[in-house]
Structures are given as structure tokens and as C-alpha cells.
Amino acid sequence: MSLDVSRRNSICWCGCALLMFGFAAPPKAGAQAVPTQALSQSSGPTASSFQGSVAVGGVSPQPIDLSLDDAIQRGLKTNLGVILSGTQTAAARGQRMSHLQALLPSVDFKAQESVMQTDLPAEGLRIPGFPTIIGPFGFTDLRATLNWSLVDVTSLRNYLAARHNFAAAELSAQDARELVILTVGNAYLLALAEETRVTSVEAQVATAKISLDQAVANHQAGTAPMLDELRARVDYQSLEQQLIVARNGLEKDKLALARTIGLPLAQAFNLADKAPYAAFDQIDVEAAIRDAHANRKDLAAMVEATKAAEEQRKAATADRLPTVKFAGDYGDIGVNVRHSHGTGDAQGTLTVPVFEEFALRGEAQVAQSQLDTQRAQLSDMHAQVDADVRDALLDIASAQKQVEVARSSVDLAGEALSEAQQRYANGVSDNLAVSQAEQSLAVANDQYVASLYRHNMAKLSLARSLGAAQNYKSYLGGK
């Protein structure tokens, strides 16, 4: 197994693990698979939103140290998914206020100054001896008008639906923050894994150089054939190529990390933290599922969206009910303000739909279909929450075993390489065993790096599935 294949396998695992949230974006070249959410509203953050950000700050000439905490805090402020969630919440707040106004009285004030002149023949009035032109004359009118829907059940239901939609948008914004933590954590851990691979390949290159120098010396001394030198040189150059690929992959992963946290792409930085490993304690699955149902913000947002659909369905039924509206005005009208008199008008209107059957039925059917869809999605979401927790726990258990096995394999492969080098140095065997041992050590190192990344990502995924991504430190620490 080559290093590139191992890296692709680790990325694919992350994408599959994150499918349990209902969203996963295909990884870009050299980048990480980034999870996002499927919001209940038609607009807002999309899959690609959480891969981007709004760059903030200038470029420092010196590399900066970036810890996982620093990266997450930056992401929570500048990630595009969080920003779009905030704008979506603001739009929902505006819609709620608009629907509220339909239930409140509307008061307007009008000041009017008029000058008129009338041509009576043009109006059809031809009276002998009567002037044909009247005017000019004018008047001043200062007036306030009041309009109020006293009984309007449809507007009330629409307002309640808008209020639930606003609550859903707020919960979705909170869920977006958890998704940013998972996204940034994934990007940071992937960059750490690539950095560890670079260090590992550099050590392998140094070891291969020692083996190459030894083979050259033995061949020049006549104690080893040319084949040993050629084999050692091929191994050394192959590792050099792998080191070039690994360094390029690290730079791409760091660019992807910078994109998610709003760091200028020209800013050089060092990863201040190292990939942690801590065995994860077993937890009560049923208790964890109950916690997930209570804490998942995406589930709570869907509950609110379902309530909004229920109110919309009731609003469609309420269209058949009569409405009662009041309209009135009071003002001062006269030749001018000093010579004027107060006047007013008041009227009540009762409106009853008589023959709008097809329109009312169509609106009710559309609202009912939307409600049925929302209820089905909510039912599926409850089941998905259960699956998310169980999948994450299974992934943690599997990855934890893989880490332990891979770590043992690295130790064994290192011992095998040391033994093969000693045998070759003592002239007991050729360097074929050394070459094979170096390849085995490279594979074991790759497997360890990939399994450690999978283990940490599985714990982050568990935190997300429980609605507790903000407590990522305790999960990475194994508690």
C-alpha cells in the first residue's frame, strides 16, 4: 500500500462517516471532506459554504503558531456557513415582524394642500347665466387614518408560522456553529496527519540514505554486488518522491484549513498542537441517544419547522372564515388651517368568501402536502439521530483497535528493519531484506497515521451526533 492510497482511504473514511449527518461534500484535491448541514429552509448555508470563509486580518511576515482552539475560534467568527446562517436568521426575523404587523393597527398621517379650477362645460354642465369656469379655489386637509384587522384568523396563523420559522432559523444557526467545529477540527486533524506523514517519510529517507551509503561502500569494497547498490538507490529515490508528494499534500491541507477559518492564504503558519490519542471510555448507548434527542439543534430546528407547517395548514383552512376590519380617519379640513373644521369617518367591513372553492381547496392541498413532507422528514430525523450515535460509537471502537494494532506494527517493523540492517552490515545476507523491511515500516507508519486520524475524527463525530461539539476537548481527551 502506497502513502497516497493510505491518504485517500483516510479521506474517504471521513466522508463516509460524515454521511450520517445527511451531508458530505466530495474532497477537493489535497483537501479534506467537509461536512455541512441540510437546512429546513430553502435558502442559507449549502455544502460548499462551510468550506469557505471571509478572510480577516493582514499577512504577517513571520509564520504564526495556530492551535486547534485558535482555528476553531477563528472559524466560528469567519466561516461562511456561520455568516450565512446569521443572515438567514435575520431574514426570518424580518418575516416574523412583517406578519406581526398584519395583526396590529396601521396609523398613517396625511397633510394635503390643494388648489383646483374646474371647467363646467367640460364636465357636462352648461347652465345659462352660470359661470363656465369655477375657481381657482383650494383647501387644506390634515388627516390621520386608522386601519385594523379586528378578526383575521389567517393572518394570526401566518404570524405563528413565521414565529416558528424564526425559532427554527435560530436553532439552525446554533447547529451551524457545531458544524463549523466539526469542519475545522476535521481540517486541522487532517493537516496534522499529513504533517506526521511528512516527518515519517523524512525519517525513512534518512534511513534509506544510510542503507544506500552502506551498499555503495560494500560494492566498492567488493563485498556486495552492484544489484545491492541499485536496489538501495531505487528505494532511496522512491522515498524522496514520496516525500515531495507528502509535502505538497501538507501545503494543500493547510490551504484548505486556512479557507475554513478566514486566514489569509498567503499567511504562513505552524500547527501548534499534535494529534492526541486517548482511549475512549465506554458510555451508555441509550443514555447517549436520549442526550442526542435533547441536545441536537438540527433536530430541534426541524421540530420548529414542522410546527410552522402545521400553522400554515391551519391558515389555509382559516381562509374560509370571515374577516372583520375597521377603517377610520379623522382630520381638519378647510380653506386654510385657521378657517377649518374637524371631520371624521368610520367604517367596519365584514368579508365572507362565497365562491372560491377551487382556490381554497388548492391552497389547502398544497399546505397539507408540505406538512406531510415535514412530518416524514422529522420522523426520519429522529431515526437518524439514533443511527448517528450508534455509528459514531462503532467507528470509535473500530478505530481504537486499529490504532493499537498499527502502533504495534510500527514497533515490529522498526525492529525488523534494525535486524535486517545488522545482518546486511555483518555480511550475513544481501540488502533485499533491508528494502522489504523499509517498505513494511513505511506501510505501518501510514496505517498508524491514518488510524489515529480516524479515531480522533470518530470522537469529534460522536460529539457532533450528541449535540455537544462545543465540548470537543473532552471528547478528544477520551472522557
Protein backbone atom coordinates (compact mmCIF):
# COMPACT_ATOMS: atom_id res chain seq x y z
CA MET A 1 0.00 0.00 0.00
CA SER A 2 1.45 3.37 -1.01
CA LEU A 3 1.30 6.52 1.04
CA ASP A 4 -1.06 8.17 -1.45
CA VAL A 5 -3.53 5.28 -1.24
CA SER A 6 -3.49 5.44 2.56
CA ARG A 7 -4.19 9.14 2.48
CA ARG A 8 -7.09 8.74 0.08
CA ASN A 9 -8.52 5.95 2.21
CA SER A 10 -8.43 8.16 5.31
CA ILE A 11 -10.21 10.96 3.47
CA CYS A 12 -12.84 8.60 2.09
CA TRP A 13 -13.46 7.24 5.58
CA CYS A 14 -14.11 10.75 6.85
CA GLY A 15 -16.57 11.41 4.04
CA CYS A 16 -18.45 8.18 4.77
CA ALA A 17 -18.53 8.83 8.49
CA LEU A 18 -19.98 12.27 7.97
CA LEU A 19 -22.76 10.95 5.75
CA MET A 20 -24.59 10.12 8.95
CA PHE A 21 -25.35 13.82 9.27
CA GLY A 22 -27.03 13.88 5.88
CA PHE A 23 -24.35 15.96 4.21
CA ALA A 24 -20.88 15.39 2.84
CA ALA A 25 -19.01 17.29 0.17
CA PRO A 26 -16.55 15.47 -2.10
CA PRO A 27 -12.98 16.39 -1.12
CA LYS A 28 -11.01 18.68 -3.35
CA ALA A 29 -7.56 17.67 -4.41
CA GLY A 30 -5.37 17.82 -1.36
CA ALA A 31 -8.26 18.99 0.80
CA GLN A 32 -10.47 17.43 3.42
CA ALA A 33 -14.01 16.15 3.14
CA VAL A 34 -16.08 18.87 4.75
CA PRO A 35 -19.39 18.19 6.44
CA THR A 36 -22.29 20.56 6.22
CA GLN A 37 -25.95 20.56 7.11
CA ALA A 38 -29.22 20.34 5.16
CA LEU A 39 -31.26 23.22 6.48
CA SER A 40 -35.02 23.10 6.66
CA GLN A 41 -35.34 26.42 4.88
CA SER A 42 -34.86 26.76 1.15
CA SER A 43 -32.03 29.28 1.50
CA GLY A 44 -28.99 29.50 3.71
CA PRO A 45 -25.72 27.59 4.01
CA THR A 46 -25.03 24.91 1.42
CA ALA A 47 -22.44 22.13 1.29
CA SER A 48 -19.75 24.40 -0.12
CA SER A 49 -20.48 27.21 2.34
CA PHE A 50 -18.66 25.50 5.21
CA GLN A 51 -15.55 25.06 3.06
CA GLY A 52 -15.22 28.82 2.66
CA SER A 53 -14.88 31.88 4.85
CA VAL A 54 -14.45 35.63 4.86
CA ALA A 55 -10.74 36.40 5.18
CA VAL A 56 -9.92 38.69 8.12
CA GLY A 57 -6.67 40.37 9.07
CA GLY A 58 -3.41 41.10 7.32
CA VAL A 59 -0.47 38.89 6.46
CA SER A 60 2.34 38.68 8.99
CA PRO A 61 5.87 38.28 7.58
CA GLN A 62 6.58 35.66 10.25
CA PRO A 63 4.77 32.31 10.49
CA ILE A 64 2.21 32.18 13.26
CA ASP A 65 1.51 29.30 15.62
CA LEU A 66 -2.03 28.00 15.17
CA SER A 67 -3.57 25.71 17.77
CA LEU A 68 -6.78 23.75 17.35
CA ASP A 69 -8.55 26.14 19.74
CA ASP A 70 -7.35 29.15 17.75
CA ALA A 71 -8.50 27.60 14.50
CA ILE A 72 -11.97 26.79 15.84
CA GLN A 73 -12.43 30.25 17.34
CA ARG A 74 -11.45 31.81 14.02
CA GLY A 75 -13.83 29.53 12.18
CA LEU A 76 -16.75 30.41 14.46
CA LYS A 77 -16.27 34.07 13.51
CA THR A 78 -15.37 33.94 9.83
CA ASN A 79 -16.65 30.66 8.37
CA LEU A 80 -19.08 31.32 5.54
CA GLY A 81 -21.58 28.78 6.87
CA VAL A 82 -21.91 30.68 10.16
CA ILE A 83 -22.22 34.02 8.37
CA LEU A 84 -24.93 32.76 6.01
CA SER A 85 -26.78 31.20 8.94
CA GLY A 86 -26.76 34.60 10.63
CA THR A 87 -28.19 36.32 7.56
CA GLN A 88 -30.84 33.61 7.27
CA THR A 89 -31.85 34.21 10.88
CA ALA A 90 -32.08 37.95 10.22
CA ALA A 91 -34.34 37.29 7.22
CA ALA A 92 -36.60 35.04 9.32
CA ARG A 93 -36.78 37.75 11.98
CA GLY A 94 -37.86 40.26 9.33
CA GLN A 95 -40.58 37.90 8.05
CA ARG A 96 -41.89 37.44 11.57
CA MET A 97 -42.13 41.20 12.05
CA SER A 98 -43.92 41.62 8.72
CA HIS A 99 -46.55 39.05 9.66
CA LEU A 100 -46.96 40.64 13.08
CA GLN A 101 -47.80 43.99 11.52
CA ALA A 102 -50.84 42.40 9.80
CA LEU A 103 -52.35 41.88 13.28
CA LEU A 104 -51.65 45.37 14.57
CA PRO A 105 -53.41 48.64 13.75
CA SER A 106 -51.91 50.72 10.99
CA VAL A 107 -51.94 54.51 11.52
CA ASP A 108 -50.98 56.95 8.75
CA PHE A 109 -50.90 60.73 8.65
CA LYS A 110 -51.52 62.82 5.55
CA ALA A 111 -51.14 66.57 5.03
CA GLN A 112 -52.74 67.84 1.82
CA GLU A 113 -52.79 71.33 0.29
CA SER A 114 -54.96 71.55 -2.85
CA VAL A 115 -55.65 74.24 -5.47
CA MET A 116 -58.27 73.49 -8.13
CA GLN A 117 -60.05 75.13 -11.06
CA THR A 118 -63.00 73.49 -12.83
CA ASP A 119 -64.34 73.89 -16.37
CA LEU A 120 -68.10 73.14 -16.04
CA PRO A 121 -68.86 72.61 -19.78
CA ALA A 122 -66.06 70.05 -19.86
CA GLU A 123 -67.84 68.26 -17.04
CA GLY A 124 -71.14 68.33 -18.96
CA LEU A 125 -72.72 71.24 -17.08
CA ARG A 126 -74.00 74.01 -19.33
CA ILE A 127 -76.24 76.34 -17.28
CA PRO A 128 -77.30 79.60 -18.92
CA GLY A 129 -76.15 82.61 -16.94
CA PHE A 130 -73.87 80.48 -14.78
CA PRO A 131 -70.09 80.94 -14.97
CA THR A 132 -68.37 78.28 -17.06
CA ILE A 133 -65.16 78.42 -15.01
CA ILE A 134 -65.15 77.96 -11.25
CA GLY A 135 -62.07 78.79 -9.30
CA PRO A 136 -59.35 78.75 -8.61
CA PHE A 137 -60.12 77.61 -5.09
CA GLY A 138 -58.28 75.47 -2.59
CA PHE A 139 -58.35 73.74 0.77
CA THR A 140 -56.07 72.32 3.44
CA ASP A 141 -56.61 68.83 4.82
CA LEU A 142 -54.69 67.38 7.79
CA ARG A 143 -55.85 63.82 8.45
CA ALA A 144 -54.90 60.63 10.30
CA THR A 145 -56.21 57.24 9.15
CA LEU A 146 -56.55 54.00 11.09
CA ASN A 147 -56.82 50.50 9.57
CA TRP A 148 -57.12 47.43 11.78
CA SER A 149 -58.00 43.81 11.08
CA LEU A 150 -60.05 43.02 14.15
CA VAL A 151 -60.76 39.39 13.23
CA ASP A 152 -58.35 37.72 10.79
CA VAL A 153 -57.54 34.13 11.71
CA THR A 154 -55.44 33.58 8.60
CA SER A 155 -53.07 36.42 9.48
CA LEU A 156 -52.80 35.10 13.03
CA ARG A 157 -51.86 31.62 11.80
CA ASN A 158 -49.34 33.07 9.36
CA TYR A 159 -47.73 35.03 12.17
CA LEU A 160 -47.48 31.92 14.35
CA ALA A 161 -45.89 30.05 11.45
CA ALA A 162 -43.39 32.88 10.94
CA ARG A 163 -42.54 32.77 14.64
CA HIS A 164 -41.79 29.03 14.44
CA ASN A 165 -39.71 29.60 11.31
CA PHE A 166 -37.70 32.22 13.16
CA ALA A 167 -37.10 29.81 16.04
CA ALA A 168 -36.01 27.16 13.52
CA ALA A 169 -33.58 29.63 11.92
CA GLU A 170 -32.07 30.47 15.32
CA LEU A 171 -31.60 26.78 16.11
CA SER A 172 -30.11 26.18 12.67
CA ALA A 173 -27.62 28.98 13.33
CA GLN A 174 -26.61 27.27 16.57
CA ASP A 175 -26.26 23.98 14.73
CA ALA A 176 -24.11 25.70 12.11
CA ARG A 177 -21.61 26.56 14.85
CA GLU A 178 -21.32 22.88 15.74
CA LEU A 179 -20.81 22.05 12.08
CA VAL A 180 -18.02 24.62 11.91
CA ILE A 181 -16.32 22.99 14.89
CA LEU A 182 -16.52 19.62 13.14
CA THR A 183 -15.35 21.08 9.82
CA VAL A 184 -12.40 22.97 11.27
CA GLY A 185 -11.50 20.07 13.55
CA ASN A 186 -11.51 17.75 10.56
CA ALA A 187 -9.30 20.13 8.55
CA TYR A 188 -6.87 20.60 11.44
CA LEU A 189 -6.58 16.88 12.21
CA LEU A 190 -6.07 16.08 8.54
CA ALA A 191 -3.28 18.64 8.31
CA LEU A 192 -1.75 17.16 11.47
CA ALA A 193 -1.91 13.70 9.94
CA GLU A 194 -0.19 14.95 6.80
CA GLU A 195 2.47 16.70 8.87
CA THR A 196 3.10 13.47 10.77
CA ARG A 197 3.43 11.62 7.48
CA VAL A 198 5.95 14.16 6.23
CA THR A 199 8.03 13.67 9.39
CA SER A 200 7.77 9.90 9.00
CA VAL A 201 8.84 9.96 5.35
CA GLU A 202 11.74 12.29 6.18
CA ALA A 203 12.94 9.73 8.74
CA GLN A 204 12.55 6.96 6.17
CA VAL A 205 14.56 8.97 3.63
CA ALA A 206 17.34 9.40 6.20
CA THR A 207 17.33 5.66 6.93
CA ALA A 208 17.34 4.83 3.21
CA LYS A 209 20.32 7.17 2.72
CA ILE A 210 22.25 5.25 5.37
CA SER A 211 21.39 1.97 3.65
CA LEU A 212 22.42 3.44 0.27
CA ASP A 213 25.78 4.65 1.60
CA GLN A 214 26.36 1.23 3.13
CA ALA A 215 25.53 -0.56 -0.14
CA VAL A 216 27.83 1.77 -2.11
CA ALA A 217 30.67 1.18 0.34
CA ASN A 218 30.20 -2.59 0.26
CA HIS A 219 30.10 -2.62 -3.54
CA GLN A 220 33.26 -0.53 -3.78
CA ALA A 221 34.93 -2.85 -1.29
CA GLY A 222 33.90 -5.85 -3.40
CA THR A 223 31.83 -7.45 -0.67
CA ALA A 224 28.42 -6.79 -2.28
CA PRO A 225 27.15 -6.96 -5.86
CA MET A 226 26.07 -3.98 -7.94
CA LEU A 227 22.49 -5.17 -7.52
CA ASP A 228 22.52 -4.23 -3.83
CA GLU A 229 23.59 -0.68 -4.66
CA LEU A 230 20.96 -0.35 -7.40
CA ARG A 231 18.24 -1.70 -5.13
CA ALA A 232 19.19 0.72 -2.33
CA ARG A 233 19.33 3.65 -4.75
CA VAL A 234 15.86 2.87 -6.14
CA ASP A 235 14.44 2.66 -2.60
CA TYR A 236 16.08 5.97 -1.68
CA GLN A 237 14.78 7.81 -4.75
CA SER A 238 11.31 6.32 -4.34
CA LEU A 239 11.13 7.67 -0.79
CA GLU A 240 12.34 11.06 -1.99
CA GLN A 241 9.44 11.15 -4.44
CA GLN A 242 7.02 10.20 -1.69
CA LEU A 243 8.43 12.99 0.46
CA ILE A 244 7.77 15.52 -2.31
CA VAL A 245 4.18 14.30 -2.62
CA ALA A 246 3.68 14.36 1.16
CA ARG A 247 4.99 17.92 1.48
CA ASN A 248 2.75 19.06 -1.36
CA GLY A 249 -0.23 17.38 0.30
CA LEU A 250 0.58 19.11 3.60
CA GLU A 251 0.65 22.54 1.96
CA LYS A 252 -2.71 21.87 0.27
CA ASP A 253 -4.26 20.70 3.53
CA LYS A 254 -3.01 23.84 5.27
CA LEU A 255 -4.57 25.95 2.49
CA ALA A 256 -7.86 24.12 2.97
CA LEU A 257 -7.66 24.77 6.72
CA ALA A 258 -6.97 28.46 6.12
CA ARG A 259 -10.01 28.64 3.83
CA THR A 260 -12.33 27.35 6.55
CA ILE A 261 -11.14 29.79 9.24
CA GLY A 262 -10.75 33.04 7.30
CA LEU A 263 -6.96 33.10 7.47
CA PRO A 264 -5.30 34.89 4.51
CA LEU A 265 -3.97 32.23 2.18
CA ALA A 266 -0.59 33.98 1.96
CA GLN A 267 -0.15 33.71 5.75
CA ALA A 268 2.33 31.00 6.75
CA PHE A 269 1.52 29.15 9.95
CA ASN A 270 2.64 26.22 12.03
CA LEU A 271 0.37 23.65 13.64
CA ALA A 272 0.92 24.18 17.34
CA ASP A 273 -0.92 21.05 18.54
CA LYS A 274 -0.13 17.43 17.89
CA ALA A 275 -2.56 14.65 17.12
CA PRO A 276 -3.84 13.43 20.51
CA TYR A 277 -4.66 9.87 21.36
CA ALA A 278 -6.65 8.71 24.35
CA ALA A 279 -8.65 5.53 24.67
CA PHE A 280 -12.35 6.39 24.79
CA ASP A 281 -14.33 5.10 27.74
CA GLN A 282 -17.46 3.10 27.05
CA ILE A 283 -20.70 5.01 27.53
CA ASP A 284 -24.35 4.07 27.95
CA VAL A 285 -25.73 3.96 24.40
CA GLU A 286 -29.35 4.53 25.38
CA ALA A 287 -28.44 7.47 27.61
CA ALA A 288 -26.33 8.92 24.81
CA ILE A 289 -29.28 8.64 22.41
CA ARG A 290 -31.56 10.42 24.86
CA ASP A 291 -28.98 13.19 25.23
CA ALA A 292 -28.74 13.49 21.45
CA HIS A 293 -32.52 13.86 21.10
CA ALA A 294 -32.49 16.54 23.77
CA ASN A 295 -29.45 18.50 22.55
CA ARG A 296 -29.31 18.25 18.76
CA LYS A 297 -30.09 21.70 17.39
CA ASP A 298 -30.82 20.42 13.87
CA LEU A 299 -33.50 18.12 15.28
CA ALA A 300 -34.99 20.97 17.33
CA ALA A 301 -34.97 23.19 14.23
CA MET A 302 -36.89 20.56 12.28
CA VAL A 303 -39.44 20.31 15.11
CA GLU A 304 -39.99 24.07 14.85
CA ALA A 305 -40.25 23.86 11.08
CA THR A 306 -42.91 21.15 11.44
CA LYS A 307 -44.88 23.37 13.81
CA ALA A 308 -44.65 26.16 11.24
CA ALA A 309 -46.04 23.82 8.57
CA GLU A 310 -48.91 22.92 10.91
CA GLU A 311 -49.76 26.61 11.34
CA GLN A 312 -49.63 27.12 7.59
CA ARG A 313 -52.09 24.27 7.15
CA LYS A 314 -54.42 25.87 9.71
CA ALA A 315 -54.04 29.20 7.92
CA ALA A 316 -55.20 27.57 4.70
CA THR A 317 -58.32 26.30 6.49
CA ALA A 318 -58.89 29.71 8.07
CA ASP A 319 -59.18 31.30 4.62
CA ARG A 320 -62.82 30.13 4.63
CA LEU A 321 -63.61 32.16 7.74
CA PRO A 322 -64.99 35.72 7.63
CA THR A 323 -62.76 38.68 8.42
CA VAL A 324 -63.71 41.86 10.23
CA LYS A 325 -61.81 45.05 9.52
CA PHE A 326 -62.13 48.60 10.78
CA ALA A 327 -61.11 51.69 8.87
CA GLY A 328 -61.45 55.26 10.07
CA ASP A 329 -59.98 58.69 9.71
CA TYR A 330 -60.13 61.99 11.49
CA GLY A 331 -58.71 65.31 10.39
CA ASP A 332 -59.07 69.03 9.99
CA ILE A 333 -60.17 70.43 6.63
CA GLY A 334 -60.90 73.99 5.48
CA VAL A 335 -59.81 76.88 3.35
CA ASN A 336 -56.71 77.09 5.50
CA VAL A 337 -55.61 75.97 8.92
CA ARG A 338 -57.18 79.00 10.64
CA HIS A 339 -60.52 78.50 8.94
CA SER A 340 -61.10 74.77 9.18
CA HIS A 341 -63.23 72.23 10.93
CA GLY A 342 -62.69 68.71 12.19
CA THR A 343 -64.21 65.85 10.16
CA GLY A 344 -64.08 62.11 10.55
CA ASP A 345 -65.17 58.83 9.06
CA ALA A 346 -65.51 55.32 10.48
CA GLN A 347 -66.48 52.07 8.79
CA GLY A 348 -66.48 48.40 9.63
CA THR A 349 -66.20 45.70 6.96
CA LEU A 350 -67.26 42.06 7.18
CA THR A 351 -65.85 39.93 4.36
CA VAL A 352 -67.04 36.37 3.77
CA PRO A 353 -65.67 34.23 0.92
CA VAL A 354 -68.65 32.91 -1.06
CA PHE A 355 -67.35 31.14 -4.12
CA GLU A 356 -63.60 30.50 -4.07
CA GLU A 357 -63.80 26.74 -3.67
CA PHE A 358 -61.09 25.72 -6.13
CA ALA A 359 -58.61 28.28 -4.83
CA LEU A 360 -59.27 27.36 -1.20
CA ARG A 361 -59.05 23.63 -1.86
CA GLY A 362 -55.85 24.03 -3.85
CA GLU A 363 -54.22 26.10 -1.14
CA ALA A 364 -55.25 23.57 1.50
CA GLN A 365 -53.85 20.66 -0.52
CA VAL A 366 -50.53 22.42 -1.02
CA ALA A 367 -50.27 23.20 2.70
CA GLN A 368 -51.19 19.62 3.61
CA SER A 369 -48.56 18.16 1.28
CA GLN A 370 -45.91 20.42 2.81
CA LEU A 371 -46.98 19.36 6.29
CA ASP A 372 -46.89 15.65 5.35
CA THR A 373 -43.42 16.11 3.90
CA GLN A 374 -42.19 17.90 7.00
CA ARG A 375 -43.60 15.23 9.31
CA ALA A 376 -41.95 12.46 7.30
CA GLN A 377 -38.61 14.26 7.43
CA LEU A 378 -38.97 14.79 11.17
CA SER A 379 -39.67 11.10 11.71
CA ASP A 380 -36.62 10.21 9.66
CA MET A 381 -34.52 12.71 11.58
CA HIS A 382 -35.40 11.03 14.89
CA ALA A 383 -34.19 7.72 13.46
CA GLN A 384 -31.11 9.39 12.00
CA VAL A 385 -30.12 10.77 15.39
CA ASP A 386 -30.16 7.24 16.80
CA ALA A 387 -28.09 6.00 13.87
CA ASP A 388 -25.61 8.88 14.22
CA VAL A 389 -24.81 7.99 17.83
CA ARG A 390 -24.54 4.26 17.17
CA ASP A 391 -22.40 4.75 14.06
CA ALA A 392 -20.03 7.09 15.89
CA LEU A 393 -19.58 4.65 18.77
CA LEU A 394 -18.91 1.79 16.35
CA ASP A 395 -16.37 3.92 14.49
CA ILE A 396 -14.62 4.85 17.73
CA ALA A 397 -14.35 1.23 18.84
CA SER A 398 -13.06 0.13 15.44
CA ALA A 399 -10.57 2.99 15.06
CA GLN A 400 -9.30 2.50 18.61
CA LYS A 401 -8.42 -1.12 17.85
CA GLN A 402 -6.80 -0.06 14.59
CA VAL A 403 -4.61 2.47 16.42
CA GLU A 404 -3.42 -0.14 18.88
CA VAL A 405 -2.65 -2.67 16.15
CA ALA A 406 -0.99 -0.07 13.92
CA ARG A 407 1.19 1.18 16.76
CA SER A 408 2.34 -2.37 17.46
CA SER A 409 3.01 -2.88 13.74
CA VAL A 410 5.23 0.20 13.67
CA ASP A 411 7.30 -1.12 16.57
CA LEU A 412 7.62 -4.56 14.97
CA ALA A 413 8.51 -3.12 11.57
CA GLY A 414 11.18 -0.94 13.20
CA GLU A 415 12.71 -3.94 14.91
CA ALA A 416 12.63 -5.91 11.66
CA LEU A 417 14.41 -3.09 9.83
CA SER A 418 17.08 -2.84 12.51
CA GLU A 419 17.64 -6.61 12.37
CA ALA A 420 17.88 -6.59 8.56
CA GLN A 421 20.36 -3.70 8.62
CA GLN A 422 22.56 -5.51 11.14
CA ARG A 423 22.51 -8.73 9.10
CA TYR A 424 23.47 -6.84 5.97
CA ALA A 425 26.20 -4.91 7.77
CA ASN A 426 27.66 -8.22 9.03
CA GLY A 427 27.54 -9.73 5.55
CA VAL A 428 25.05 -12.41 6.52
CA SER A 429 22.56 -11.50 3.77
CA ASP A 430 22.02 -9.08 0.90
CA ASN A 431 20.03 -5.86 1.25
CA LEU A 432 16.80 -7.28 -0.17
CA ALA A 433 15.61 -7.87 3.37
CA VAL A 434 16.53 -4.26 4.22
CA SER A 435 14.50 -2.98 1.27
CA GLN A 436 11.49 -5.06 2.22
CA ALA A 437 11.75 -4.00 5.87
CA GLU A 438 11.86 -0.33 4.85
CA GLN A 439 8.69 -0.78 2.77
CA SER A 440 6.96 -2.57 5.65
CA LEU A 441 7.89 0.24 8.03
CA ALA A 442 6.54 2.83 5.58
CA VAL A 443 3.23 0.98 5.29
CA ALA A 444 3.00 0.57 9.08
CA ASN A 445 3.63 4.29 9.63
CA ASP A 446 0.96 5.20 7.10
CA GLN A 447 -1.53 2.86 8.74
CA TYR A 448 -0.81 4.33 12.16
CA VAL A 449 -1.22 7.91 10.98
CA ALA A 450 -4.47 7.08 9.17
CA SER A 451 -5.92 5.13 12.11
CA LEU A 452 -5.05 7.90 14.57
CA TYR A 453 -6.80 10.43 12.32
CA ARG A 454 -9.84 8.16 12.03
CA HIS A 455 -10.00 7.69 15.80
CA ASN A 456 -9.94 11.41 16.55
CA MET A 457 -12.46 12.18 13.79
CA ALA A 458 -14.76 9.47 15.13
CA LYS A 459 -14.70 11.13 18.55
CA LEU A 460 -15.44 14.53 17.02
CA SER A 461 -18.28 12.93 15.08
CA LEU A 462 -19.68 11.50 18.31
CA ALA A 463 -19.58 14.95 19.90
CA ARG A 464 -21.47 16.31 16.89
CA SER A 465 -24.02 13.48 16.96
CA LEU A 466 -24.71 14.20 20.65
CA GLY A 467 -25.12 17.93 20.00
CA ALA A 468 -22.05 18.63 22.15
CA ALA A 469 -19.42 19.65 19.60
CA GLN A 470 -18.56 22.68 21.75
CA ASN A 471 -17.08 20.19 24.26
CA TYR A 472 -14.69 18.75 21.67
CA LYS A 473 -11.74 18.94 24.06
CA SER A 474 -13.22 16.42 26.46
CA TYR A 475 -14.00 14.03 23.60
CA LEU A 476 -10.54 14.25 22.05
CA GLY A 477 -9.17 13.70 25.53
CA GLY A 478 -11.11 10.46 25.77
CA LYS A 479 -13.50 11.36 28.60
